[in-house]
Amino acid sequence: MVRSLRNQVVVASLLSLSSMGLSSMGMTSIGISRAHAAEVNSLSPALTVNIYNHAQASETTVSVATAEAARILRDAGIETRWTQCPTEPELIPLYTDCKLPGPSSLVLRVIPRSMARPKPSGPAAFGVALVPKDGSFGRFASVYIEAVAAIAGDDETLGARILGHLMSHELGHLLLGKQSHSRRGIMRADWLEKDLQDARQGRFLFTTQQAGKMQGAMARRSERLQAGIRRPQP
């Protein structure tokens, strides 16, 4: 799967590796309310996410991570549908759901840093999203598996939940577009100890403003998809 970077903004996300302590249980709620999410869930089209597990994370890890990411996105009013796709190119045609991404279908890779193109900006980078410069829909993002180990160590359960947060952050870039890092919430550019504490407690979420923008982005993607379906074939 080759993509030109010429017309893409490469949005890298960083992790503050100097603040990894997770022993403190302090909590601060920094997302939209569950009630607000319930109001918008019925109005938002579903987002399809095709996952390519090049890092060979365990099936349990990927399952827990996708459930965590689905919860985080649902809290922002975005419903999701997840498909685990094969990493062997010759097998992809056999999986009808793993077709080329469309307006409401995204590709998310879980990879080692050695596979990253372009190369990671540094050892603190935890992922990357390709956002078109022309404002069209971003569809490709990657999460680096090394970032999970850097945070969670040998704790597989915590690692799976952290992976879900990393996935949500990169998918957030694709929905929010350029300059989508923020000073608070899950779209922070660098994650500190307090953020990781909130993530561990399930409270590291999208802000209300981000949720509204993402819902608008999903509505536009759905309109584009429907326009494509209605377009007569030659």
Protein backbone atom coordinates (compact mmCIF):
# COMPACT_ATOMS: atom_id res chain seq x y z
CA MET A 1 0.00 0.00 0.00
CA VAL A 2 2.05 2.93 -1.33
CA ARG A 3 1.00 6.51 -0.70
CA SER A 4 2.57 9.73 -1.93
CA LEU A 5 3.62 12.12 0.86
CA ARG A 6 3.96 15.08 -1.48
CA ASN A 7 0.48 16.42 -0.78
CA GLN A 8 0.17 15.21 2.80
CA VAL A 9 0.73 16.94 6.11
CA VAL A 10 2.48 14.42 8.35
CA VAL A 11 1.09 14.93 11.86
CA ALA A 12 3.37 13.31 14.43
CA SER A 13 2.34 12.74 18.04
CA LEU A 14 4.81 12.71 20.90
CA LEU A 15 4.99 11.07 24.28
CA SER A 16 6.79 12.67 27.20
CA LEU A 17 9.06 9.78 28.15
CA SER A 18 10.41 11.64 31.18
CA SER A 19 7.10 11.35 33.06
CA MET A 20 6.04 7.71 33.05
CA GLY A 21 5.01 7.18 36.68
CA LEU A 22 1.50 5.75 36.89
CA SER A 23 1.33 5.03 40.61
CA SER A 24 -0.65 8.16 41.47
CA MET A 25 -4.40 7.73 41.04
CA GLY A 26 -5.32 11.40 40.69
CA MET A 27 -8.16 11.94 38.23
CA THR A 28 -9.51 14.87 36.24
CA SER A 29 -12.42 14.53 33.85
CA ILE A 30 -11.56 16.15 30.53
CA GLY A 31 -14.09 15.03 27.94
CA ILE A 32 -17.68 15.45 26.84
CA SER A 33 -20.37 14.07 29.07
CA ARG A 34 -21.96 10.64 28.51
CA ALA A 35 -25.35 12.33 28.22
CA HIS A 36 -24.09 14.56 25.40
CA ALA A 37 -22.61 11.58 23.58
CA ALA A 38 -25.92 9.70 23.84
CA GLU A 39 -27.69 12.61 22.18
CA VAL A 40 -25.46 12.62 19.11
CA ASN A 41 -24.81 8.89 18.66
CA SER A 42 -28.05 8.33 16.78
CA LEU A 43 -27.26 11.19 14.41
CA SER A 44 -23.72 10.25 13.38
CA PRO A 45 -22.87 7.82 10.56
CA ALA A 46 -20.60 4.92 11.48
CA LEU A 47 -16.87 5.16 10.88
CA THR A 48 -15.23 2.02 9.50
CA VAL A 49 -11.68 1.38 10.71
CA ASN A 50 -9.56 -1.27 8.96
CA ILE A 51 -6.73 -2.39 11.25
CA TYR A 52 -3.47 -3.89 9.99
CA ASN A 53 -1.56 -5.47 12.87
CA HIS A 54 1.97 -5.46 11.44
CA ALA A 55 3.40 -5.42 14.97
CA GLN A 56 1.82 -8.82 15.66
CA ALA A 57 0.25 -7.66 18.90
CA SER A 58 -1.77 -10.43 20.52
CA GLU A 59 -5.38 -10.98 19.51
CA THR A 60 -6.45 -10.10 23.05
CA THR A 61 -4.49 -6.85 22.99
CA VAL A 62 -6.02 -5.76 19.70
CA SER A 63 -9.51 -6.73 20.82
CA VAL A 64 -9.26 -4.77 24.08
CA ALA A 65 -7.62 -1.82 22.30
CA THR A 66 -10.33 -1.55 19.66
CA ALA A 67 -13.04 -1.77 22.32
CA GLU A 68 -11.32 1.03 24.25
CA ALA A 69 -10.98 3.18 21.13
CA ALA A 70 -14.62 2.53 20.25
CA ARG A 71 -15.63 3.70 23.73
CA ILE A 72 -13.57 6.88 23.46
CA LEU A 73 -14.94 7.73 20.02
CA ARG A 74 -18.49 6.88 21.10
CA ASP A 75 -18.09 9.34 23.96
CA ALA A 76 -17.43 11.95 21.27
CA GLY A 77 -20.54 10.91 19.35
CA ILE A 78 -18.75 8.78 16.74
CA GLU A 79 -19.89 5.20 16.25
CA THR A 80 -17.30 2.83 14.78
CA ARG A 81 -17.06 -0.50 12.98
CA TRP A 82 -13.72 -2.32 13.22
CA THR A 83 -12.24 -4.85 10.82
CA GLN A 84 -8.97 -6.70 11.38
CA CYS A 85 -7.33 -7.06 7.97
CA PRO A 86 -4.51 -9.41 6.90
CA THR A 87 -1.02 -7.98 6.56
CA GLU A 88 -0.11 -10.28 3.67
CA PRO A 89 -0.87 -8.41 0.41
CA GLU A 90 -1.96 -11.57 -1.39
CA LEU A 91 -4.67 -12.21 1.21
CA ILE A 92 -6.24 -8.75 1.20
CA PRO A 93 -8.43 -9.38 -1.91
CA LEU A 94 -10.02 -12.29 -0.02
CA TYR A 95 -11.34 -9.91 2.64
CA THR A 96 -14.13 -7.86 1.09
CA ASP A 97 -14.22 -5.44 4.04
CA CYS A 98 -10.54 -4.59 3.61
CA LYS A 99 -10.99 -2.66 0.41
CA LEU A 100 -9.36 0.68 -0.33
CA PRO A 101 -10.57 3.28 2.15
CA GLY A 102 -13.42 5.61 1.26
CA PRO A 103 -14.75 8.79 2.89
CA SER A 104 -16.08 6.91 5.93
CA SER A 105 -13.46 4.15 5.96
CA LEU A 106 -9.99 4.59 7.43
CA VAL A 107 -6.79 2.55 7.55
CA LEU A 108 -5.04 2.23 10.91
CA ARG A 109 -1.75 0.33 11.14
CA VAL A 110 -0.14 -0.93 14.33
CA ILE A 111 3.53 -1.10 13.40
CA PRO A 112 7.07 -1.15 14.76
CA ARG A 113 8.92 2.13 14.25
CA SER A 114 11.19 0.41 11.73
CA MET A 115 8.23 0.20 9.32
CA ALA A 116 7.29 3.86 9.61
CA ARG A 117 7.34 6.00 6.44
CA PRO A 118 8.25 8.77 6.89
CA LYS A 119 10.62 7.90 9.69
CA PRO A 120 9.49 8.87 13.21
CA SER A 121 10.49 12.36 14.31
CA GLY A 122 12.21 10.94 17.39
CA PRO A 123 12.09 8.25 20.07
CA ALA A 124 9.16 10.00 21.77
CA ALA A 125 6.89 9.77 18.70
CA PHE A 126 3.96 7.42 19.27
CA GLY A 127 2.20 7.64 15.93
CA VAL A 128 1.53 9.52 12.73
CA ALA A 129 -1.46 10.55 10.63
CA LEU A 130 -1.41 11.61 6.96
CA VAL A 131 -3.64 14.64 6.51
CA PRO A 132 -4.01 15.99 2.92
CA LYS A 133 -2.82 19.58 2.47
CA ASP A 134 -5.79 20.41 0.24
CA GLY A 135 -8.30 19.81 3.02
CA SER A 136 -9.66 16.56 1.59
CA PHE A 137 -10.29 13.56 3.79
CA GLY A 138 -7.38 11.95 5.62
CA ARG A 139 -7.55 8.16 5.57
CA PHE A 140 -4.23 6.68 6.75
CA ALA A 141 -2.70 6.61 10.24
CA SER A 142 -0.21 4.49 12.17
CA VAL A 143 0.53 3.76 15.83
CA TYR A 144 3.98 2.61 16.96
CA ILE A 145 3.88 -0.48 19.18
CA GLU A 146 7.02 0.61 21.05
CA ALA A 147 5.06 3.48 22.59
CA VAL A 148 2.76 0.98 24.29
CA ALA A 149 5.66 -0.84 25.94
CA ALA A 150 7.23 2.48 26.96
CA ILE A 151 4.10 3.35 28.93
CA ALA A 152 2.77 0.01 30.14
CA GLY A 153 5.89 -2.12 30.42
CA ASP A 154 4.89 -5.77 30.83
CA ASP A 155 1.32 -4.96 31.91
CA GLU A 156 -0.60 -6.36 28.93
CA THR A 157 -3.98 -5.19 30.17
CA LEU A 158 -2.81 -1.61 30.65
CA GLY A 159 -0.92 -1.80 27.35
CA ALA A 160 -4.07 -2.75 25.47
CA ARG A 161 -5.98 0.19 26.94
CA ILE A 162 -3.13 2.59 26.15
CA LEU A 163 -3.05 1.26 22.58
CA GLY A 164 -6.75 2.09 22.33
CA HIS A 165 -6.02 5.67 23.40
CA LEU A 166 -3.21 5.97 20.86
CA MET A 167 -5.53 4.67 18.15
CA SER A 168 -8.18 7.23 19.11
CA HIS A 169 -5.65 10.07 18.98
CA GLU A 170 -4.48 9.22 15.46
CA LEU A 171 -8.02 8.70 14.19
CA GLY A 172 -8.83 12.06 15.74
CA HIS A 173 -6.21 13.66 13.50
CA LEU A 174 -7.86 12.16 10.41
CA LEU A 175 -11.27 13.50 11.40
CA LEU A 176 -10.14 16.90 12.72
CA GLY A 177 -7.66 17.70 9.95
CA LYS A 178 -4.62 19.96 10.09
CA GLN A 179 -3.46 21.64 13.29
CA SER A 180 -5.64 19.38 15.42
CA HIS A 181 -3.38 19.10 18.44
CA SER A 182 -4.80 20.79 21.52
CA ARG A 183 -3.74 21.96 24.97
CA ARG A 184 -6.00 19.50 26.77
CA GLY A 185 -7.77 16.25 26.16
CA ILE A 186 -6.66 13.23 24.17
CA MET A 187 -5.47 15.41 21.26
CA ARG A 188 -2.61 16.86 23.30
CA ALA A 189 0.63 16.69 21.28
CA ASP A 190 2.67 15.37 24.21
CA TRP A 191 1.24 13.12 26.89
CA LEU A 192 2.40 13.70 30.46
CA GLU A 193 1.99 11.68 33.64
CA LYS A 194 -1.36 13.29 34.48
CA ASP A 195 -2.71 12.39 31.03
CA LEU A 196 -1.63 8.79 31.47
CA GLN A 197 -3.33 8.66 34.85
CA ASP A 198 -6.54 9.86 33.21
CA ALA A 199 -6.10 7.28 30.45
CA ARG A 200 -5.72 4.55 33.02
CA GLN A 201 -9.01 5.62 34.59
CA GLY A 202 -10.81 5.91 31.24
CA ARG A 203 -11.08 9.69 31.49
CA PHE A 204 -8.65 10.83 28.80
CA LEU A 205 -11.15 11.87 26.13
CA PHE A 206 -11.94 14.29 23.33
CA THR A 207 -13.13 17.73 24.39
CA THR A 208 -16.64 18.96 23.66
CA GLN A 209 -15.33 21.24 20.90
CA GLN A 210 -13.39 18.41 19.28
CA ALA A 211 -16.42 16.14 19.47
CA GLY A 212 -18.52 18.70 17.62
CA LYS A 213 -15.92 19.09 14.88
CA MET A 214 -15.57 15.34 14.48
CA GLN A 215 -19.33 14.90 14.16
CA GLY A 216 -19.35 17.59 11.47
CA ALA A 217 -16.48 15.86 9.68
CA MET A 218 -18.34 12.55 9.76
CA ALA A 219 -21.45 14.21 8.33
CA ARG A 220 -19.37 15.59 5.43
CA ARG A 221 -17.76 12.21 4.83
CA SER A 222 -21.16 10.55 4.77
CA GLU A 223 -22.45 13.12 2.27
CA ARG A 224 -19.45 12.43 0.02
CA LEU A 225 -20.04 8.68 0.30
CA GLN A 226 -23.71 9.01 -0.58
CA ALA A 227 -22.89 11.29 -3.51
CA GLY A 228 -20.50 8.63 -4.82
CA ILE A 229 -23.16 5.92 -4.48
CA ARG A 230 -25.73 8.02 -6.35
CA ARG A 231 -23.31 8.95 -9.16
CA PRO A 232 -24.23 6.96 -12.33
CA GLN A 233 -21.57 4.58 -13.55
CA PRO A 234 -20.29 5.05 -17.14
